[in-house]
């Protein structure tokens, strides 16, 4: 259930990055971003994915658009 709640945040922008939620904690989330695993704390970014908020039930992330040359 927790993963589904977190994934709902991703649906609208899922084409910009491949993001999977592996585990949720208070203030952090363990994510797989484009095949690479990373523990992010609130406010941290990795490969264009920024963790805005996290708790054991859900996470809120922002996915940046890729820069174009």
PDB file of N, CA and C in Angstrom:
ATOM      1  N   UNK A   1       0.817  -1.198   0.000  1.00  0.00           N
ATOM      2  CA  UNK A   1       0.000   0.000   0.000  1.00  0.00           C
ATOM      3  C   UNK A   1       0.860   1.261   0.000  1.00  0.00           C
ATOM      4  N   UNK A   2       1.931   1.245   0.797  1.00  0.00           N
ATOM      5  CA  UNK A   2       2.783   2.427   0.883  1.00  0.00           C
ATOM      6  C   UNK A   2       3.419   2.761  -0.461  1.00  0.00           C
ATOM      7  N   UNK A   3       3.862   1.731  -1.157  1.00  0.00           N
ATOM      8  CA  UNK A   3       4.482   1.985  -2.455  1.00  0.00           C
ATOM      9  C   UNK A   3       3.486   2.574  -3.438  1.00  0.00           C
ATOM     10  N   UNK A   4       2.241   2.121  -3.395  1.00  0.00           N
ATOM     11  CA  UNK A   4       1.224   2.652  -4.307  1.00  0.00           C
ATOM     12  C   UNK A   4       0.969   4.119  -4.030  1.00  0.00           C
ATOM     13  N   UNK A   5       0.905   4.499  -2.775  1.00  0.00           N
ATOM     14  CA  UNK A   5       0.694   5.911  -2.455  1.00  0.00           C
ATOM     15  C   UNK A   5       1.835   6.765  -2.974  1.00  0.00           C
ATOM     16  N   UNK A   6       3.041   6.285  -2.801  1.00  0.00           N
ATOM     17  CA  UNK A   6       4.194   7.039  -3.274  1.00  0.00           C
ATOM     18  C   UNK A   6       4.224   7.099  -4.793  1.00  0.00           C
ATOM     19  N   UNK A   7       3.846   6.026  -5.445  1.00  0.00           N
ATOM     20  CA  UNK A   7       3.872   6.007  -6.902  1.00  0.00           C
ATOM     21  C   UNK A   7       2.810   6.914  -7.508  1.00  0.00           C
ATOM     22  N   UNK A   8       1.738   7.166  -6.797  1.00  0.00           N
ATOM     23  CA  UNK A   8       0.729   8.095  -7.305  1.00  0.00           C
ATOM     24  C   UNK A   8       1.332   9.467  -7.557  1.00  0.00           C
ATOM     25  N   UNK A   9       2.299   9.841  -6.765  1.00  0.00           N
ATOM     26  CA  UNK A   9       2.973  11.129  -6.947  1.00  0.00           C
ATOM     27  C   UNK A   9       3.766  11.161  -8.247  1.00  0.00           C
ATOM     28  N   UNK A  10       4.109  10.013  -8.765  1.00  0.00           N
ATOM     29  CA  UNK A  10       4.969   9.930  -9.937  1.00  0.00           C
ATOM     30  C   UNK A  10       4.232   9.804 -11.257  1.00  0.00           C
ATOM     31  N   UNK A  11       2.983   9.431 -11.237  1.00  0.00           N
ATOM     32  CA  UNK A  11       2.288   9.076 -12.464  1.00  0.00           C
ATOM     33  C   UNK A  11       2.330  10.162 -13.532  1.00  0.00           C
ATOM     34  N   UNK A  12       2.097  11.396 -13.159  1.00  0.00           N
ATOM     35  CA  UNK A  12       2.003  12.462 -14.146  1.00  0.00           C
ATOM     36  C   UNK A  12       3.336  12.727 -14.835  1.00  0.00           C
ATOM     37  N   UNK A  13       4.456  12.452 -14.150  1.00  0.00           N
ATOM     38  CA  UNK A  13       5.754  12.784 -14.721  1.00  0.00           C
ATOM     39  C   UNK A  13       6.630  11.563 -14.919  1.00  0.00           C
ATOM     40  N   UNK A  14       6.063  10.386 -14.963  1.00  0.00           N
ATOM     41  CA  UNK A  14       6.864   9.166 -15.007  1.00  0.00           C
ATOM     42  C   UNK A  14       7.690   9.022 -16.281  1.00  0.00           C
ATOM     43  N   UNK A  15       7.354   9.744 -17.331  1.00  0.00           N
ATOM     44  CA  UNK A  15       8.111   9.628 -18.572  1.00  0.00           C
ATOM     45  C   UNK A  15       9.450  10.343 -18.496  1.00  0.00           C
ATOM     46  N   UNK A  16       9.652  11.214 -17.510  1.00  0.00           N
ATOM     47  CA  UNK A  16      10.892  11.968 -17.413  1.00  0.00           C
ATOM     48  C   UNK A  16      12.012  11.183 -16.753  1.00  0.00           C
ATOM     49  N   UNK A  17      11.687  10.277 -15.853  1.00  0.00           N
ATOM     50  CA  UNK A  17      12.691   9.464 -15.162  1.00  0.00           C
ATOM     51  C   UNK A  17      12.043   8.157 -14.738  1.00  0.00           C
ATOM     52  N   UNK A  18      12.855   7.113 -14.686  1.00  0.00           N
ATOM     53  CA  UNK A  18      12.381   5.830 -14.190  1.00  0.00           C
ATOM     54  C   UNK A  18      12.646   5.805 -12.692  1.00  0.00           C
ATOM     55  N   UNK A  19      11.586   5.937 -11.884  1.00  0.00           N
ATOM     56  CA  UNK A  19      11.729   6.034 -10.429  1.00  0.00           C
ATOM     57  C   UNK A  19      10.898   4.947  -9.769  1.00  0.00           C
ATOM     58  N   UNK A  20      11.537   4.219  -8.855  1.00  0.00           N
ATOM     59  CA  UNK A  20      10.838   3.218  -8.047  1.00  0.00           C
ATOM     60  C   UNK A  20      11.083   3.536  -6.582  1.00  0.00           C
ATOM     61  N   UNK A  21      10.047   3.365  -5.778  1.00  0.00           N
ATOM     62  CA  UNK A  21      10.169   3.575  -4.343  1.00  0.00           C
ATOM     63  C   UNK A  21      10.423   2.225  -3.683  1.00  0.00           C
ATOM     64  N   UNK A  22      11.558   2.096  -3.013  1.00  0.00           N
ATOM     65  CA  UNK A  22      11.931   0.840  -2.364  1.00  0.00           C
ATOM     66  C   UNK A  22      11.532   0.821  -0.892  1.00  0.00           C
ATOM     67  N   UNK A  23      11.684   1.955  -0.212  1.00  0.00           N
ATOM     68  CA  UNK A  23      11.340   2.042   1.211  1.00  0.00           C
ATOM     69  C   UNK A  23      11.115   3.496   1.582  1.00  0.00           C
ATOM     70  N   UNK A  24      10.215   3.705   2.535  1.00  0.00           N
ATOM     71  CA  UNK A  24       9.894   5.048   3.011  1.00  0.00           C
ATOM     72  C   UNK A  24      10.191   5.149   4.500  1.00  0.00           C
ATOM     73  N   UNK A  25      10.745   6.296   4.896  1.00  0.00           N
ATOM     74  CA  UNK A  25      11.070   6.566   6.289  1.00  0.00           C
ATOM     75  C   UNK A  25      10.641   7.991   6.615  1.00  0.00           C
ATOM     76  N   UNK A  26      10.672   8.350   7.878  1.00  0.00           N
ATOM     77  CA  UNK A  26      10.366   9.729   8.276  1.00  0.00           C
ATOM     78  C   UNK A  26      11.510  10.622   7.805  1.00  0.00           C
ATOM     79  N   UNK A  27      11.233  11.477   6.828  1.00  0.00           N
ATOM     80  CA  UNK A  27      12.233  12.415   6.330  1.00  0.00           C
ATOM     81  C   UNK A  27      13.159  11.889   5.254  1.00  0.00           C
ATOM     82  N   UNK A  28      12.988  10.644   4.810  1.00  0.00           N
ATOM     83  CA  UNK A  28      13.850  10.114   3.759  1.00  0.00           C
ATOM     84  C   UNK A  28      13.138   8.989   3.010  1.00  0.00           C
ATOM     85  N   UNK A  29      13.699   8.664   1.851  1.00  0.00           N
ATOM     86  CA  UNK A  29      13.140   7.593   1.027  1.00  0.00           C
ATOM     87  C   UNK A  29      14.279   6.904   0.296  1.00  0.00           C
ATOM     88  N   UNK A  30      14.174   5.594   0.178  1.00  0.00           N
ATOM     89  CA  UNK A  30      15.146   4.792  -0.558  1.00  0.00           C
ATOM     90  C   UNK A  30      14.545   4.551  -1.937  1.00  0.00           C
ATOM     91  N   UNK A  31      15.154   5.161  -2.956  1.00  0.00           N
ATOM     92  CA  UNK A  31      14.613   5.138  -4.306  1.00  0.00           C
ATOM     93  C   UNK A  31      15.571   4.458  -5.267  1.00  0.00           C
ATOM     94  N   UNK A  32      15.024   3.962  -6.361  1.00  0.00           N
ATOM     95  CA  UNK A  32      15.821   3.563  -7.509  1.00  0.00           C
ATOM     96  C   UNK A  32      15.484   4.548  -8.612  1.00  0.00           C
ATOM     97  N   UNK A  33      16.497   5.284  -9.062  1.00  0.00           N
ATOM     98  CA  UNK A  33      16.323   6.310 -10.093  1.00  0.00           C
ATOM     99  C   UNK A  33      17.150   5.902 -11.301  1.00  0.00           C
ATOM    100  N   UNK A  34      16.470   5.656 -12.400  1.00  0.00           N
ATOM    101  CA  UNK A  34      17.145   5.240 -13.639  1.00  0.00           C
ATOM    102  C   UNK A  34      18.099   4.074 -13.390  1.00  0.00           C
ATOM    103  N   UNK A  35      17.654   3.117 -12.574  1.00  0.00           N
ATOM    104  CA  UNK A  35      18.428   1.912 -12.323  1.00  0.00           C
ATOM    105  C   UNK A  35      19.467   2.007 -11.221  1.00  0.00           C
ATOM    106  N   UNK A  36      19.628   3.190 -10.609  1.00  0.00           N
ATOM    107  CA  UNK A  36      20.620   3.363  -9.546  1.00  0.00           C
ATOM    108  C   UNK A  36      19.913   3.623  -8.218  1.00  0.00           C
ATOM    109  N   UNK A  37      20.304   2.877  -7.188  1.00  0.00           N
ATOM    110  CA  UNK A  37      19.665   3.012  -5.880  1.00  0.00           C
ATOM    111  C   UNK A  37      20.294   4.151  -5.094  1.00  0.00           C
ATOM    112  N   UNK A  38      19.425   4.871  -4.364  1.00  0.00           N
ATOM    113  CA  UNK A  38      19.905   6.041  -3.623  1.00  0.00           C
ATOM    114  C   UNK A  38      18.972   6.306  -2.449  1.00  0.00           C
ATOM    115  N   UNK A  39      19.549   6.601  -1.289  1.00  0.00           N
ATOM    116  CA  UNK A  39      18.781   7.062  -0.141  1.00  0.00           C
ATOM    117  C   UNK A  39      18.801   8.579  -0.169  1.00  0.00           C
ATOM    118  N   UNK A  40      17.622   9.178  -0.309  1.00  0.00           N
ATOM    119  CA  UNK A  40      17.513  10.633  -0.330  1.00  0.00           C
ATOM    120  C   UNK A  40      16.839  11.123   0.940  1.00  0.00           C
ATOM    121  N   UNK A  41      17.358  12.212   1.480  1.00  0.00           N
ATOM    122  CA  UNK A  41      16.709  12.894   2.594  1.00  0.00           C
ATOM    123  C   UNK A  41      15.936  14.072   2.015  1.00  0.00           C
ATOM    124  N   UNK A  42      14.954  14.553   2.751  1.00  0.00           N
ATOM    125  CA  UNK A  42      14.154  15.678   2.269  1.00  0.00           C
ATOM    126  C   UNK A  42      15.071  16.815   1.828  1.00  0.00           C
ATOM    127  N   UNK A  43      14.813  17.328   0.624  1.00  0.00           N
ATOM    128  CA  UNK A  43      15.604  18.422   0.078  1.00  0.00           C
ATOM    129  C   UNK A  43      16.743  17.973  -0.820  1.00  0.00           C
ATOM    130  N   UNK A  44      17.127  16.705  -0.781  1.00  0.00           N
ATOM    131  CA  UNK A  44      18.215  16.210  -1.614  1.00  0.00           C
ATOM    132  C   UNK A  44      17.709  15.820  -3.002  1.00  0.00           C
ATOM    133  N   UNK A  45      18.629  15.903  -3.976  1.00  0.00           N
ATOM    134  CA  UNK A  45      18.319  15.543  -5.362  1.00  0.00           C
ATOM    135  C   UNK A  45      19.300  14.501  -5.858  1.00  0.00           C
ATOM    136  N   UNK A  46      18.841  13.715  -6.833  1.00  0.00           N
ATOM    137  CA  UNK A  46      19.688  12.729  -7.502  1.00  0.00           C
ATOM    138  C   UNK A  46      19.153  12.531  -8.906  1.00  0.00           C
ATOM    139  N   UNK A  47      19.985  12.786  -9.900  1.00  0.00           N
ATOM    140  CA  UNK A  47      19.637  12.615 -11.316  1.00  0.00           C
ATOM    141  C   UNK A  47      18.306  13.275 -11.676  1.00  0.00           C
ATOM    142  N   UNK A  48      18.109  14.496 -11.216  1.00  0.00           N
ATOM    143  CA  UNK A  48      16.908  15.253 -11.557  1.00  0.00           C
ATOM    144  C   UNK A  48      15.681  14.930 -10.738  1.00  0.00           C
ATOM    145  N   UNK A  49      15.807  14.065  -9.719  1.00  0.00           N
ATOM    146  CA  UNK A  49      14.694  13.715  -8.846  1.00  0.00           C
ATOM    147  C   UNK A  49      14.972  14.306  -7.469  1.00  0.00           C
ATOM    148  N   UNK A  50      14.085  15.181  -6.989  1.00  0.00           N
ATOM    149  CA  UNK A  50      14.254  15.828  -5.690  1.00  0.00           C
ATOM    150  C   UNK A  50      13.177  15.334  -4.729  1.00  0.00           C
ATOM    151  N   UNK A  51      13.591  14.908  -3.554  1.00  0.00           N
ATOM    152  CA  UNK A  51      12.646  14.469  -2.526  1.00  0.00           C
ATOM    153  C   UNK A  51      12.174  15.690  -1.751  1.00  0.00           C
ATOM    154  N   UNK A  52      10.900  16.026  -1.909  1.00  0.00           N
ATOM    155  CA  UNK A  52      10.343  17.192  -1.235  1.00  0.00           C
ATOM    156  C   UNK A  52       9.858  16.868   0.168  1.00  0.00           C
ATOM    157  N   UNK A  53       9.245  15.700   0.322  1.00  0.00           N
ATOM    158  CA  UNK A  53       8.673  15.309   1.603  1.00  0.00           C
ATOM    159  C   UNK A  53       8.602  13.793   1.661  1.00  0.00           C
ATOM    160  N   UNK A  54       8.789  13.233   2.857  1.00  0.00           N
ATOM    161  CA  UNK A  54       8.681  11.781   3.014  1.00  0.00           C
ATOM    162  C   UNK A  54       8.264  11.437   4.436  1.00  0.00           C
ATOM    163  N   UNK A  55       7.449  10.413   4.537  1.00  0.00           N
ATOM    164  CA  UNK A  55       7.108   9.812   5.822  1.00  0.00           C
ATOM    165  C   UNK A  55       6.846   8.328   5.539  1.00  0.00           C
ATOM    166  N   UNK A  56       6.603   7.523   6.554  1.00  0.00           N
ATOM    167  CA  UNK A  56       6.435   6.086   6.306  1.00  0.00           C
ATOM    168  C   UNK A  56       5.258   5.709   5.407  1.00  0.00           C
ATOM    169  N   UNK A  57       4.355   6.655   5.123  1.00  0.00           N
ATOM    170  CA  UNK A  57       3.190   6.351   4.290  1.00  0.00           C
ATOM    171  C   UNK A  57       3.282   6.853   2.860  1.00  0.00           C
ATOM    172  N   UNK A  58       4.022   7.943   2.616  1.00  0.00           N
ATOM    173  CA  UNK A  58       4.084   8.482   1.262  1.00  0.00           C
ATOM    174  C   UNK A  58       5.310   9.339   1.078  1.00  0.00           C
ATOM    175  N   UNK A  59       5.610   9.612  -0.188  1.00  0.00           N
ATOM    176  CA  UNK A  59       6.686  10.541  -0.510  1.00  0.00           C
ATOM    177  C   UNK A  59       6.196  11.481  -1.600  1.00  0.00           C
ATOM    178  N   UNK A  60       6.741  12.672  -1.582  1.00  0.00           N
ATOM    179  CA  UNK A  60       6.428  13.675  -2.591  1.00  0.00           C
ATOM    180  C   UNK A  60       7.748  14.059  -3.238  1.00  0.00           C
ATOM    181  N   UNK A  61       7.830  13.868  -4.553  1.00  0.00           N
ATOM    182  CA  UNK A  61       9.069  14.170  -5.255  1.00  0.00           C
ATOM    183  C   UNK A  61       8.784  15.137  -6.402  1.00  0.00           C
ATOM    184  N   UNK A  62       9.842  15.772  -6.853  1.00  0.00           N
ATOM    185  CA  UNK A  62       9.779  16.621  -8.033  1.00  0.00           C
ATOM    186  C   UNK A  62      10.783  16.069  -9.028  1.00  0.00           C
ATOM    187  N   UNK A  63      10.335  15.860 -10.258  1.00  0.00           N
ATOM    188  CA  UNK A  63      11.213  15.379 -11.314  1.00  0.00           C
ATOM    189  C   UNK A  63      11.449  16.517 -12.280  1.00  0.00           C
ATOM    190  N   UNK A  64      12.718  16.932 -12.412  1.00  0.00           N
ATOM    191  CA  UNK A  64      13.064  18.013 -13.318  1.00  0.00           C
ATOM    192  C   UNK A  64      13.068  17.540 -14.745  1.00  0.00           C
ATOM    193  N   UNK A  65      12.688  18.416 -15.625  1.00  0.00           N
ATOM    194  CA  UNK A  65      12.769  18.092 -17.053  1.00  0.00           C
ATOM    195  C   UNK A  65      14.229  18.024 -17.447  1.00  0.00           C
ATOM    196  N   UNK A  66      14.570  17.107 -18.326  1.00  0.00           N
ATOM    197  CA  UNK A  66      15.963  17.047 -18.780  1.00  0.00           C
ATOM    198  C   UNK A  66      16.317  18.344 -19.511  1.00  0.00           C
ATOM    199  N   UNK A  67      17.545  18.787 -19.346  1.00  0.00           N
ATOM    200  CA  UNK A  67      17.977  19.984 -20.055  1.00  0.00           C
ATOM    201  C   UNK A  67      18.228  19.635 -21.511  1.00  0.00           C
ATOM    202  N   UNK A  68      17.893  20.553 -22.360  1.00  0.00           N
ATOM    203  CA  UNK A  68      18.075  20.344 -23.805  1.00  0.00           C
ATOM    204  C   UNK A  68      19.187  21.238 -24.304  1.00  0.00           C
ATOM    205  N   UNK A  69      20.054  20.687 -25.134  1.00  0.00           N
ATOM    206  CA  UNK A  69      21.178  21.498 -25.648  1.00  0.00           C
ATOM    207  C   UNK A  69      20.734  22.598 -26.570  1.00  0.00           C
TER     208      UNK A  69
END
